[in-house]
Protein backbone atom coordinates (compact mmCIF):
# COMPACT_ATOMS: atom_id res chain seq x y z
CA MET A 1 0.38 -0.20 -0.23
CA LEU A 2 1.00 3.80 -0.79
CA PHE A 3 0.47 6.02 2.48
CA ARG A 4 0.41 9.82 2.12
CA SER A 5 -1.43 12.61 3.51
CA GLY A 6 -5.11 13.74 2.86
CA LEU A 7 -8.83 13.09 3.77
CA PRO A 8 -9.31 9.67 5.29
CA ALA A 9 -10.08 8.30 2.74
CA CYS A 10 -7.13 8.58 1.17
CA VAL A 11 -4.71 7.39 3.52
CA ARG A 12 -4.04 4.35 1.19
CA ILE A 13 -3.59 3.58 -1.89
CA PRO A 14 -2.42 0.95 -3.99
CA PHE A 15 0.45 0.82 -6.55
CA GLY A 16 -0.82 1.28 -9.80
CA ARG A 17 -4.21 3.28 -8.90
CA GLY A 18 -5.20 6.74 -9.53
CA VAL A 19 -2.14 10.00 -10.06
CA CYS A 20 -0.69 9.08 -6.53
CA GLY A 21 -0.33 5.06 -7.19
CA THR A 22 0.26 5.37 -10.73
CA SER A 23 3.51 7.81 -9.88
CA ALA A 24 4.64 5.33 -6.97
CA ALA A 25 4.70 2.10 -9.22
CA GLU A 26 5.99 3.75 -12.44
CA GLN A 27 8.55 5.73 -10.77
CA THR A 28 7.49 8.89 -12.82
CA THR A 29 6.64 12.42 -11.98
CA GLN A 30 2.45 12.72 -13.01
CA ARG A 31 1.58 16.25 -14.01
CA ILE A 32 -1.84 15.86 -14.63
CA GLU A 33 -3.96 19.39 -15.99
CA ASP A 34 -7.31 18.19 -15.29
CA VAL A 35 -7.64 14.89 -12.75
CA HIS A 36 -11.37 14.04 -14.00
CA GLN A 37 -10.04 13.05 -17.04
CA PHE A 38 -7.54 10.44 -15.33
CA PRO A 39 -8.70 7.16 -15.50
CA GLY A 40 -9.19 5.32 -12.67
CA HIS A 41 -9.01 9.18 -10.23
CA ILE A 42 -9.26 8.61 -6.69
CA ALA A 43 -10.95 11.91 -5.57
CA CYS A 44 -9.98 12.92 -2.26
CA ASP A 45 -10.44 16.79 -2.27
CA ALA A 46 -13.46 17.63 -4.72
CA ALA A 47 -11.66 21.30 -5.05
CA SER A 48 -8.88 20.09 -6.80
CA ASN A 49 -8.61 20.06 -10.89
CA SER A 50 -4.77 19.55 -11.03
CA GLU A 51 -2.59 17.14 -9.39
CA ILE A 52 1.30 16.82 -9.72
CA VAL A 53 2.60 13.71 -7.67
CA SER A 54 6.54 12.74 -7.65
CA PRO A 55 7.77 9.25 -6.00
CA LEU A 56 9.96 9.40 -3.34
CA VAL A 57 11.96 6.81 -4.19
CA LYS A 58 15.34 4.81 -1.84
CA ASP A 59 17.71 2.29 -3.10
CA GLY A 60 15.39 1.41 -6.44
CA GLN A 61 12.10 1.24 -3.96
CA THR A 62 8.97 3.55 -4.07
CA ILE A 63 9.06 4.64 -0.26
CA GLY A 64 6.05 6.79 -0.67
CA VAL A 65 5.06 10.43 -3.28
CA ASP A 66 5.00 13.88 -2.69
CA ASN A 67 1.25 14.86 -3.73
CA ARG A 68 0.39 18.23 -4.52
CA LEU A 69 -3.17 19.13 -5.37
CA SER A 70 -4.04 22.51 -6.68
CA ILE A 71 -7.12 24.04 -8.65
CA ARG A 72 -4.46 24.77 -11.53
CA ILE A 73 -1.05 24.01 -11.49
CA THR A 74 1.17 26.60 -13.24
CA ASP A 75 4.21 25.84 -15.70
CA GLY A 76 6.41 27.94 -12.92
CA GLU A 77 5.13 26.09 -10.18
CA ALA A 78 5.44 22.87 -11.98
CA GLU A 79 9.32 24.03 -12.79
CA SER A 80 9.97 25.44 -9.07
CA TYR A 81 8.44 21.72 -8.06
CA ARG A 82 10.48 20.09 -10.00
CA MET A 83 13.64 22.03 -8.45
CA LEU A 84 12.91 21.25 -5.49
CA LEU A 85 12.86 17.47 -6.45
CA ASP A 86 16.00 17.55 -8.19
CA GLN A 87 17.63 18.88 -4.77
CA LEU A 88 16.19 16.21 -2.66
CA ASP A 89 17.45 13.55 -4.95
CA ARG A 90 20.75 14.58 -4.26
CA LEU A 91 20.54 14.99 -0.59
CA ARG A 92 19.15 10.92 -0.52
CA GLN A 93 22.10 10.27 -3.00
CA ASN A 94 24.83 11.58 -0.41
CA ASP A 95 22.47 9.69 2.43
């Protein structure tokens, strides 16, 4: 199971299910502009329309995900998020 913060209905999400589970299973960042069009989307927050999720990977294993929900994710926000994740990756490599 995949653990993430959110409303109680979204505490555990199986790998491969929804945006978070897909990110975890594929170990790829998922940037979804319209979550309502994503097959199998799990609606934890009805106000969210966009989602960006990146896997947290250590020693080749997914240990969780970082999930950002938004009404709309701008290109600037996505780029800032990518830069933050790059810095976290560098820190994990030096761990």
